Amino acid sequence: MRSLGWVLAVLIVMLQYPLWLGKGSWFKVWDLERQLEEQQDANAALAVRNQQLAAEVKDLKTGYDAIEARARYELGMIKQDEVFFQVMEQGTAEVPIQEERP
């Protein structure tokens, strides 16, 4: 009778092994669920970014205001017959270096 108990105990352990430590174990399922949540968060952030880029593309295709703003701020362009003033803060002006000539 005692050996039957040991045999049943070993069978129970053998049946539990794949559940806890095998290929489709609970630990792997939990890890995959965590990875899935991280990927869904990353996808949500990228979806927001894609929406912003799509709105910017639409604005660039349909309106001249966005093109003008981009040309002004990124390329430093000005309109014709416009006067450009550059205001420098005190202490940030660069002093030209004068080279000594022999």
Protein backbone atom coordinates (compact mmCIF):
# COMPACT_ATOMS: atom_id res chain seq x y z
CA MET A 1 0.00 0.00 0.00
CA ARG A 2 2.85 2.28 0.76
CA SER A 3 4.41 1.82 -2.67
CA LEU A 4 1.07 2.63 -4.31
CA GLY A 5 1.08 5.98 -2.47
CA TRP A 6 4.57 6.74 -3.72
CA VAL A 7 3.66 5.81 -7.27
CA LEU A 8 0.61 8.07 -7.15
CA ALA A 9 2.68 10.92 -5.69
CA VAL A 10 5.26 10.55 -8.46
CA LEU A 11 2.49 10.52 -11.07
CA ILE A 12 0.99 13.70 -9.63
CA VAL A 13 4.40 15.40 -9.70
CA MET A 14 4.95 14.25 -13.28
CA LEU A 15 1.57 15.66 -14.29
CA GLN A 16 2.26 18.98 -12.55
CA TYR A 17 5.71 19.48 -14.10
CA PRO A 18 4.50 20.64 -17.56
CA LEU A 19 1.94 22.93 -15.92
CA TRP A 20 4.53 24.85 -13.90
CA LEU A 21 7.86 24.37 -15.70
CA GLY A 22 7.14 23.03 -19.20
CA LYS A 23 6.82 24.69 -22.60
CA GLY A 24 3.40 26.24 -21.95
CA SER A 25 3.85 26.77 -18.22
CA TRP A 26 2.13 29.39 -16.10
CA PHE A 27 5.39 31.30 -15.70
CA LYS A 28 5.76 31.66 -19.46
CA VAL A 29 2.13 32.69 -19.80
CA TRP A 30 2.62 35.41 -17.20
CA ASP A 31 5.78 36.60 -18.93
CA LEU A 32 4.04 36.69 -22.31
CA GLU A 33 1.13 38.67 -20.82
CA ARG A 34 3.59 41.21 -19.42
CA GLN A 35 5.33 41.50 -22.79
CA LEU A 36 1.96 41.89 -24.51
CA GLU A 37 1.00 44.77 -22.20
CA GLU A 38 4.34 46.51 -22.84
CA GLN A 39 3.91 46.13 -26.60
CA GLN A 40 0.34 47.44 -26.47
CA ASP A 41 1.56 50.52 -24.55
CA ALA A 42 4.30 51.09 -27.14
CA ASN A 43 1.77 50.66 -29.96
CA ALA A 44 -0.58 53.18 -28.37
CA ALA A 45 2.23 55.74 -28.13
CA LEU A 46 3.17 55.14 -31.75
CA ALA A 47 -0.46 55.47 -32.83
CA VAL A 48 -0.64 58.91 -31.21
CA ARG A 49 2.58 59.88 -32.97
CA ASN A 50 1.22 58.63 -36.30
CA GLN A 51 -1.95 60.70 -35.83
CA GLN A 52 0.15 63.81 -35.17
CA LEU A 53 2.25 63.18 -38.26
CA ALA A 54 -0.84 62.54 -40.39
CA ALA A 55 -2.35 65.84 -39.21
CA GLU A 56 0.90 67.65 -40.03
CA VAL A 57 1.03 66.09 -43.51
CA LYS A 58 -2.60 67.06 -44.14
CA ASP A 59 -1.88 70.61 -43.00
CA LEU A 60 1.18 70.84 -45.25
CA LYS A 61 -0.78 69.54 -48.25
CA THR A 62 -3.79 71.84 -47.84
CA GLY A 63 -2.59 75.09 -46.29
CA TYR A 64 0.19 77.54 -46.96
CA ASP A 65 0.37 78.72 -43.36
CA ALA A 66 2.15 75.58 -42.21
CA ILE A 67 4.58 75.73 -45.13
CA GLU A 68 5.32 79.38 -44.40
CA ALA A 69 5.84 78.71 -40.70
CA ARG A 70 8.18 75.83 -41.42
CA ALA A 71 10.15 77.92 -43.93
CA ARG A 72 10.49 80.76 -41.42
CA TYR A 73 11.51 78.76 -38.37
CA GLU A 74 13.48 75.90 -39.85
CA LEU A 75 15.04 77.53 -42.92
CA GLY A 76 15.23 81.16 -41.75
CA MET A 77 13.41 82.49 -44.82
CA ILE A 78 11.61 85.84 -45.00
CA LYS A 79 8.98 87.23 -47.35
CA GLN A 80 9.79 89.64 -50.12
CA ASP A 81 9.83 93.30 -48.98
CA GLU A 82 10.06 92.17 -45.36
CA VAL A 83 12.70 93.51 -42.97
CA PHE A 84 14.47 90.99 -40.76
CA PHE A 85 15.57 92.03 -37.28
CA GLN A 86 17.61 89.75 -35.07
CA VAL A 87 17.49 90.62 -31.38
CA MET A 88 20.36 89.29 -29.33
CA GLU A 89 20.30 89.11 -25.57
CA GLN A 90 22.89 91.05 -23.65
CA GLY A 91 26.10 89.10 -23.11
CA THR A 92 25.44 86.57 -25.86
CA ALA A 93 26.87 88.57 -28.73
CA GLU A 94 29.95 87.00 -30.22
CA VAL A 95 32.98 89.21 -30.48
CA PRO A 96 34.90 88.64 -33.71
CA ILE A 97 38.44 87.42 -33.19
CA GLN A 98 40.98 89.67 -34.79
CA GLU A 99 44.04 87.99 -36.14
CA GLU A 100 47.40 89.61 -35.64
CA ARG A 101 49.20 90.36 -38.85
CA PRO A 102 53.00 90.64 -38.81
